Amino acid sequence: MMILNNIQNQDYFMQIQDYISAGKIASQVRENARKKYHVGSTLFEICESIEKEIIQKGGKCAFPVNTSINEIAAHYTAEPNDQKVISGTDLLKIDLGVQINGYIADTAVTVCYDPKFDFLIQAAEAALKDAISIIKIGTKSSDVGKTIENTVKHMGCQPIANLSGHSLEQYTIHAGKSIPNIWSIGSFSFSPTEAYACEPFVTTKEGLGFVREGKTRNIFSLITRKRTKDAEADKLADHIWEKFNMLPFALRWLIPTWEEKNARILLEKLVKNKVVRSYPVLTEANGERVAQAEHTFIPQENGITVTTL
């Protein structure tokens, strides 16, 4: 039994180290993205450069870099050769993930070059800071939601009610537990054996405070390895499993192994056969702008470790 416990402790220590190493890379890449002047750059250039930097620093992408603009809150990544250009008035959310051996750091920053929207960014960052400050082992998730909501409203904004943070597991971005951005009845207590991402989303008073699904779907993930009876589609599914496991991926990640038109057709088949899921973009229901801030953290016996600081 003592040998088993030692092995379990060693495995846990290695997991924590992987979480921390992933977080260090994610933090560096996020801060570089925060400082960079993105006006005039295409979304394709932004996503590709950030993902390249993650790899150069020794990590792997846990999901495609999200570059969600203005009223789009989440789930937009660049299409192949996406020519959408960032303007001086765009509110750009850069959400990135790094994984080492499947252990994930998830972090986000909002950038904008128009002072008119600074208040949204400041509200998101303040809500994240206040939420992180109260978390320890045993803290209830509902208290975190309440803190986020109070901070955001105190700063003259409103939180997005149907977006939330989440627990993390190996090769799993959303591992089943949600950290709300508003006070909620359902709750769980934070455990020292899990990693979590806290991510306040903030909109204006004129917004409806929740998001709706849009038509665009350009992020995907494998959900099963069942066969489709289409040899080429099954070959693509095997490629996805080998390269990305169950983590999200982008269409552009399949090119040049597959020609773009063929890749789209095969992905549609895999989605139709429920082998792959597609993620719709999420848009503020009243078309108002949204800001986001995010950190990954691990509650521990001696406090909380924010891996992406």
Protein backbone atom coordinates (compact mmCIF):
# COMPACT_ATOMS: atom_id res chain seq x y z
CA MET A 1 0.00 0.00 0.00
CA MET A 2 2.85 2.37 0.81
CA ILE A 3 4.36 1.70 -2.65
CA LEU A 4 1.00 2.42 -4.28
CA ASN A 5 0.64 5.67 -2.35
CA ASN A 6 4.15 6.73 -3.35
CA ILE A 7 3.34 6.05 -7.01
CA GLN A 8 0.08 7.97 -6.72
CA ASN A 9 1.87 10.90 -5.07
CA GLN A 10 4.54 10.85 -7.76
CA ASP A 11 1.92 10.83 -10.51
CA TYR A 12 0.07 13.73 -8.88
CA PHE A 13 3.31 15.71 -8.56
CA MET A 14 4.08 15.14 -12.25
CA GLN A 15 0.57 16.27 -13.21
CA ILE A 16 0.97 19.45 -11.19
CA GLN A 17 4.32 20.13 -12.82
CA ASP A 18 2.78 19.70 -16.26
CA TYR A 19 -0.05 22.08 -15.35
CA ILE A 20 2.48 24.63 -14.09
CA SER A 21 4.77 24.26 -17.11
CA ALA A 22 1.82 24.68 -19.48
CA GLY A 23 0.69 27.72 -17.51
CA LYS A 24 4.10 29.36 -17.71
CA ILE A 25 4.10 29.09 -21.50
CA ALA A 26 0.48 30.25 -21.74
CA SER A 27 1.19 33.28 -19.56
CA GLN A 28 4.17 34.35 -21.64
CA VAL A 29 2.29 33.94 -24.91
CA ARG A 30 -0.78 35.77 -23.57
CA GLU A 31 1.28 38.73 -22.39
CA ASN A 32 3.07 38.93 -25.72
CA ALA A 33 -0.33 38.95 -27.42
CA ARG A 34 -1.54 41.66 -25.04
CA LYS A 35 1.41 43.93 -25.88
CA LYS A 36 1.37 43.41 -29.64
CA TYR A 37 -0.32 45.93 -31.93
CA HIS A 38 -2.84 43.83 -33.86
CA VAL A 39 -4.53 46.56 -35.93
CA GLY A 40 -4.06 45.75 -39.60
CA SER A 41 -3.32 42.07 -38.94
CA THR A 42 -5.62 39.35 -40.22
CA LEU A 43 -7.19 36.82 -37.88
CA PHE A 44 -5.29 34.12 -39.74
CA GLU A 45 -1.98 35.87 -39.02
CA ILE A 46 -2.86 36.35 -35.35
CA CYS A 47 -3.94 32.75 -34.74
CA GLU A 48 -1.05 31.23 -36.65
CA SER A 49 1.59 33.39 -34.97
CA ILE A 50 0.29 32.69 -31.45
CA GLU A 51 0.02 28.96 -32.08
CA LYS A 52 3.53 28.94 -33.56
CA GLU A 53 4.86 30.71 -30.47
CA ILE A 54 3.24 28.10 -28.18
CA ILE A 55 5.01 25.33 -30.07
CA GLN A 56 8.33 27.20 -30.16
CA LYS A 57 8.22 27.52 -26.37
CA GLY A 58 7.82 23.75 -25.97
CA GLY A 59 4.06 23.39 -25.54
CA LYS A 60 1.24 22.10 -27.68
CA CYS A 61 -2.00 23.90 -28.47
CA ALA A 62 -4.84 22.67 -26.25
CA PHE A 63 -7.33 24.19 -28.69
CA PRO A 64 -7.25 26.62 -31.62
CA VAL A 65 -6.55 30.19 -30.60
CA ASN A 66 -9.91 31.98 -30.35
CA THR A 67 -9.99 35.46 -31.88
CA SER A 68 -13.53 36.60 -31.12
CA ILE A 69 -14.33 40.18 -32.10
CA ASN A 70 -16.79 42.67 -30.59
CA GLU A 71 -20.19 41.01 -29.96
CA ILE A 72 -18.78 37.53 -30.59
CA ALA A 73 -17.95 36.28 -27.11
CA ALA A 74 -16.27 32.98 -27.89
CA HIS A 75 -15.52 30.10 -30.27
CA TYR A 76 -14.27 31.98 -33.33
CA THR A 77 -10.94 30.87 -34.73
CA ALA A 78 -9.48 31.79 -38.09
CA GLU A 79 -10.64 30.02 -41.19
CA PRO A 80 -7.89 28.89 -43.60
CA ASN A 81 -6.35 32.15 -44.89
CA ASP A 82 -8.98 34.18 -42.99
CA GLN A 83 -8.65 37.75 -44.30
CA LYS A 84 -10.70 39.50 -41.62
CA VAL A 85 -8.54 42.44 -40.52
CA ILE A 86 -8.49 43.97 -37.03
CA SER A 87 -9.50 47.63 -37.01
CA GLY A 88 -8.70 50.31 -34.48
CA THR A 89 -12.17 50.08 -32.93
CA ASP A 90 -12.44 46.28 -32.64
CA LEU A 91 -12.60 44.63 -29.22
CA LEU A 92 -10.51 41.49 -29.68
CA LYS A 93 -10.64 38.57 -27.27
CA ILE A 94 -7.62 36.26 -27.53
CA ASP A 95 -8.31 32.96 -25.78
CA LEU A 96 -5.46 30.44 -25.91
CA GLY A 97 -4.68 27.05 -24.45
CA VAL A 98 -1.43 25.17 -23.89
CA GLN A 99 -1.14 21.50 -23.04
CA ILE A 100 1.76 19.37 -21.86
CA ASN A 101 1.00 15.65 -21.75
CA GLY A 102 -2.66 16.62 -21.95
CA TYR A 103 -2.60 18.88 -18.87
CA ILE A 104 -3.99 22.24 -19.86
CA ALA A 105 -3.51 25.93 -19.19
CA ASP A 106 -6.43 28.01 -20.43
CA THR A 107 -6.11 31.81 -20.41
CA ALA A 108 -7.50 34.84 -22.20
CA VAL A 109 -7.01 38.56 -22.64
CA THR A 110 -9.05 41.27 -24.34
CA VAL A 111 -7.26 43.96 -26.34
CA CYS A 112 -8.58 47.15 -27.88
CA TYR A 113 -7.02 50.39 -29.07
CA ASP A 114 -10.11 52.56 -28.61
CA PRO A 115 -10.30 53.97 -25.02
CA LYS A 116 -14.09 54.01 -25.41
CA PHE A 117 -14.16 50.31 -24.51
CA ASP A 118 -11.52 50.25 -21.77
CA PHE A 119 -14.26 50.01 -19.14
CA LEU A 120 -15.29 46.57 -20.37
CA ILE A 121 -11.75 45.24 -20.27
CA GLN A 122 -11.22 46.72 -16.81
CA ALA A 123 -14.43 45.12 -15.52
CA ALA A 124 -13.46 41.67 -16.82
CA GLU A 125 -9.96 41.90 -15.35
CA ALA A 126 -11.22 43.20 -12.00
CA ALA A 127 -13.85 40.45 -11.75
CA LEU A 128 -11.22 37.80 -12.44
CA LYS A 129 -8.86 39.25 -9.84
CA ASP A 130 -11.59 39.44 -7.20
CA ALA A 131 -12.77 35.90 -7.95
CA ILE A 132 -9.27 34.45 -7.74
CA SER A 133 -8.66 36.25 -4.44
CA ILE A 134 -11.43 34.39 -2.59
CA ILE A 135 -10.79 30.88 -3.89
CA LYS A 136 -9.25 28.24 -1.66
CA ILE A 137 -9.97 24.59 -0.93
CA GLY A 138 -13.62 24.33 0.07
CA THR A 139 -14.75 27.64 -1.44
CA LYS A 140 -18.15 27.27 -3.08
CA SER A 141 -18.45 27.96 -6.79
CA SER A 142 -21.63 29.96 -6.14
CA ASP A 143 -19.61 32.40 -4.02
CA VAL A 144 -17.22 32.90 -6.92
CA GLY A 145 -20.15 33.61 -9.23
CA LYS A 146 -21.55 36.08 -6.73
CA THR A 147 -18.20 37.86 -6.47
CA ILE A 148 -17.87 38.13 -10.25
CA GLU A 149 -21.42 39.44 -10.62
CA ASN A 150 -21.00 42.01 -7.84
CA THR A 151 -17.71 43.33 -9.23
CA VAL A 152 -18.98 43.58 -12.79
CA LYS A 153 -22.20 45.36 -11.80
CA HIS A 154 -20.33 47.69 -9.44
CA MET A 155 -18.27 48.79 -12.44
CA GLY A 156 -21.38 49.61 -14.48
CA CYS A 157 -21.40 46.48 -16.66
CA GLN A 158 -23.13 43.14 -16.59
CA PRO A 159 -21.82 39.56 -16.68
CA ILE A 160 -22.76 37.02 -19.34
CA ALA A 161 -25.02 34.68 -17.42
CA ASN A 162 -24.81 31.61 -19.66
CA LEU A 163 -21.03 31.49 -20.02
CA SER A 164 -18.88 30.04 -17.28
CA GLY A 165 -15.50 28.82 -16.20
CA HIS A 166 -14.88 25.11 -15.92
CA SER A 167 -12.91 22.26 -14.43
CA LEU A 168 -10.05 20.74 -16.42
CA GLU A 169 -8.81 17.19 -16.80
CA GLN A 170 -6.17 15.50 -18.92
CA TYR A 171 -7.08 16.07 -22.59
CA THR A 172 -10.42 17.53 -21.47
CA ILE A 173 -11.14 21.27 -21.62
CA HIS A 174 -14.59 21.19 -20.02
CA ALA A 175 -14.46 18.42 -17.43
CA GLY A 176 -17.98 18.68 -16.03
CA LYS A 177 -17.92 21.40 -13.35
CA SER A 178 -18.89 24.99 -14.15
CA ILE A 179 -17.73 28.15 -12.39
CA PRO A 180 -20.59 30.62 -12.88
CA ASN A 181 -20.24 34.30 -13.68
CA ILE A 182 -23.36 35.11 -11.67
CA TRP A 183 -24.73 33.94 -8.34
CA SER A 184 -26.32 30.53 -8.79
CA ILE A 185 -28.18 28.02 -6.64
CA GLY A 186 -26.26 24.91 -7.69
CA SER A 187 -22.74 24.75 -6.30
CA PHE A 188 -19.65 22.65 -5.72
CA SER A 189 -16.63 23.12 -3.46
CA PHE A 190 -13.16 23.46 -4.94
CA SER A 191 -10.98 20.39 -4.58
CA PRO A 192 -7.18 20.25 -4.22
CA THR A 193 -6.98 17.46 -6.79
CA GLU A 194 -8.41 19.40 -9.74
CA ALA A 195 -7.50 22.28 -12.05
CA TYR A 196 -9.99 24.95 -13.03
CA ALA A 197 -10.35 27.90 -15.38
CA CYS A 198 -12.15 31.03 -14.22
CA GLU A 199 -13.28 33.32 -17.05
CA PRO A 200 -15.58 36.30 -16.53
CA PHE A 201 -17.32 37.55 -19.67
CA VAL A 202 -18.59 41.12 -19.47
CA THR A 203 -20.93 43.20 -21.62
CA THR A 204 -22.55 46.62 -21.45
CA LYS A 205 -25.72 47.65 -19.64
CA GLU A 206 -27.43 47.67 -23.03
CA GLY A 207 -26.64 44.00 -23.60
CA LEU A 208 -29.02 41.20 -22.68
CA GLY A 209 -26.34 39.50 -20.60
CA PHE A 210 -26.39 36.14 -22.32
CA VAL A 211 -25.13 34.64 -25.58
CA ARG A 212 -26.80 32.87 -28.47
CA GLU A 213 -25.35 30.39 -30.93
CA GLY A 214 -24.32 31.80 -34.29
CA LYS A 215 -24.21 30.02 -37.63
CA THR A 216 -20.42 29.89 -37.96
CA ARG A 217 -18.80 26.66 -36.76
CA ASN A 218 -15.06 26.41 -37.33
CA ILE A 219 -13.84 24.63 -34.18
CA PHE A 220 -14.30 20.86 -33.85
CA SER A 221 -13.45 17.96 -31.55
CA LEU A 222 -13.57 14.19 -31.71
CA ILE A 223 -16.26 12.61 -29.50
CA THR A 224 -16.03 8.93 -30.46
CA ARG A 225 -13.87 6.59 -32.55
CA LYS A 226 -16.73 4.65 -34.09
CA ARG A 227 -16.50 3.83 -37.81
CA THR A 228 -18.60 5.59 -40.45
CA LYS A 229 -18.28 3.07 -43.34
CA ASP A 230 -16.56 5.84 -45.31
CA ALA A 231 -12.88 4.89 -45.56
CA GLU A 232 -11.63 8.43 -46.16
CA ALA A 233 -13.72 9.90 -43.33
CA ASP A 234 -12.50 7.15 -41.00
CA LYS A 235 -8.93 7.92 -42.04
CA LEU A 236 -9.48 11.58 -41.10
CA ALA A 237 -10.96 10.54 -37.74
CA ASP A 238 -7.88 8.43 -37.04
CA HIS A 239 -5.67 11.39 -37.97
CA ILE A 240 -7.61 13.64 -35.58
CA TRP A 241 -7.23 11.13 -32.75
CA GLU A 242 -3.49 10.78 -33.37
CA LYS A 243 -2.85 14.51 -33.57
CA PHE A 244 -5.35 16.06 -31.15
CA ASN A 245 -6.81 13.27 -29.00
CA MET A 246 -10.22 14.57 -27.77
CA LEU A 247 -9.09 18.20 -27.71
CA PRO A 248 -10.60 20.84 -30.03
CA PHE A 249 -8.99 21.52 -33.40
CA ALA A 250 -9.43 23.86 -36.38
CA LEU A 251 -10.08 23.11 -40.00
CA ARG A 252 -6.85 24.91 -40.90
CA TRP A 253 -4.93 22.40 -38.77
CA LEU A 254 -5.92 19.66 -41.24
CA ILE A 255 -4.30 21.46 -44.16
CA PRO A 256 -2.07 20.60 -46.06
CA THR A 257 -2.54 16.92 -45.10
CA TRP A 258 -6.02 17.25 -46.63
CA GLU A 259 -7.01 19.66 -49.38
CA GLU A 260 -9.36 22.27 -47.90
CA LYS A 261 -12.47 21.41 -49.94
CA ASN A 262 -12.09 17.69 -49.23
CA ALA A 263 -11.42 18.32 -45.54
CA ARG A 264 -14.65 20.31 -45.25
CA ILE A 265 -16.65 17.52 -46.91
CA LEU A 266 -15.12 14.85 -44.67
CA LEU A 267 -15.66 16.93 -41.53
CA GLU A 268 -19.33 17.37 -42.46
CA LYS A 269 -19.63 13.60 -42.75
CA LEU A 270 -17.98 13.08 -39.36
CA VAL A 271 -20.26 15.67 -37.75
CA LYS A 272 -23.35 14.12 -39.38
CA ASN A 273 -22.31 10.69 -38.06
CA LYS A 274 -21.71 12.16 -34.57
CA VAL A 275 -18.04 11.22 -34.63
CA VAL A 276 -17.00 14.87 -34.42
CA ARG A 277 -18.80 17.80 -32.80
CA SER A 278 -18.70 21.36 -34.08
CA TYR A 279 -18.77 24.41 -31.84
CA PRO A 280 -20.91 27.38 -32.89
CA VAL A 281 -19.67 30.90 -32.29
CA LEU A 282 -21.37 32.50 -29.29
CA THR A 283 -22.72 36.03 -29.76
CA GLU A 284 -24.11 38.52 -27.26
CA ALA A 285 -27.87 38.32 -27.68
CA ASN A 286 -28.37 42.07 -28.15
CA GLY A 287 -25.30 42.56 -30.31
CA GLU A 288 -23.36 44.38 -27.59
CA ARG A 289 -19.61 44.10 -27.19
CA VAL A 290 -18.07 41.54 -24.86
CA ALA A 291 -14.76 41.45 -22.97
CA GLN A 292 -13.15 38.39 -21.37
CA ALA A 293 -10.37 37.63 -18.91
CA GLU A 294 -9.23 34.17 -17.83
CA HIS A 295 -6.78 32.30 -15.60
CA THR A 296 -6.19 28.63 -14.79
CA PHE A 297 -5.63 27.68 -11.15
CA ILE A 298 -5.18 24.70 -8.81
CA PRO A 299 -6.39 24.80 -5.19
CA GLN A 300 -3.77 23.28 -2.90
CA GLU A 301 -3.38 22.65 0.83
CA ASN A 302 -1.19 25.74 1.25
CA GLY A 303 -3.34 28.01 -0.90
CA ILE A 304 -4.06 28.48 -4.56
CA THR A 305 -1.64 28.18 -7.48
CA VAL A 306 -2.60 30.34 -10.45
CA THR A 307 -0.68 28.63 -13.24
CA THR A 308 -1.20 31.39 -15.81
CA LEU A 309 -0.15 34.47 -13.83
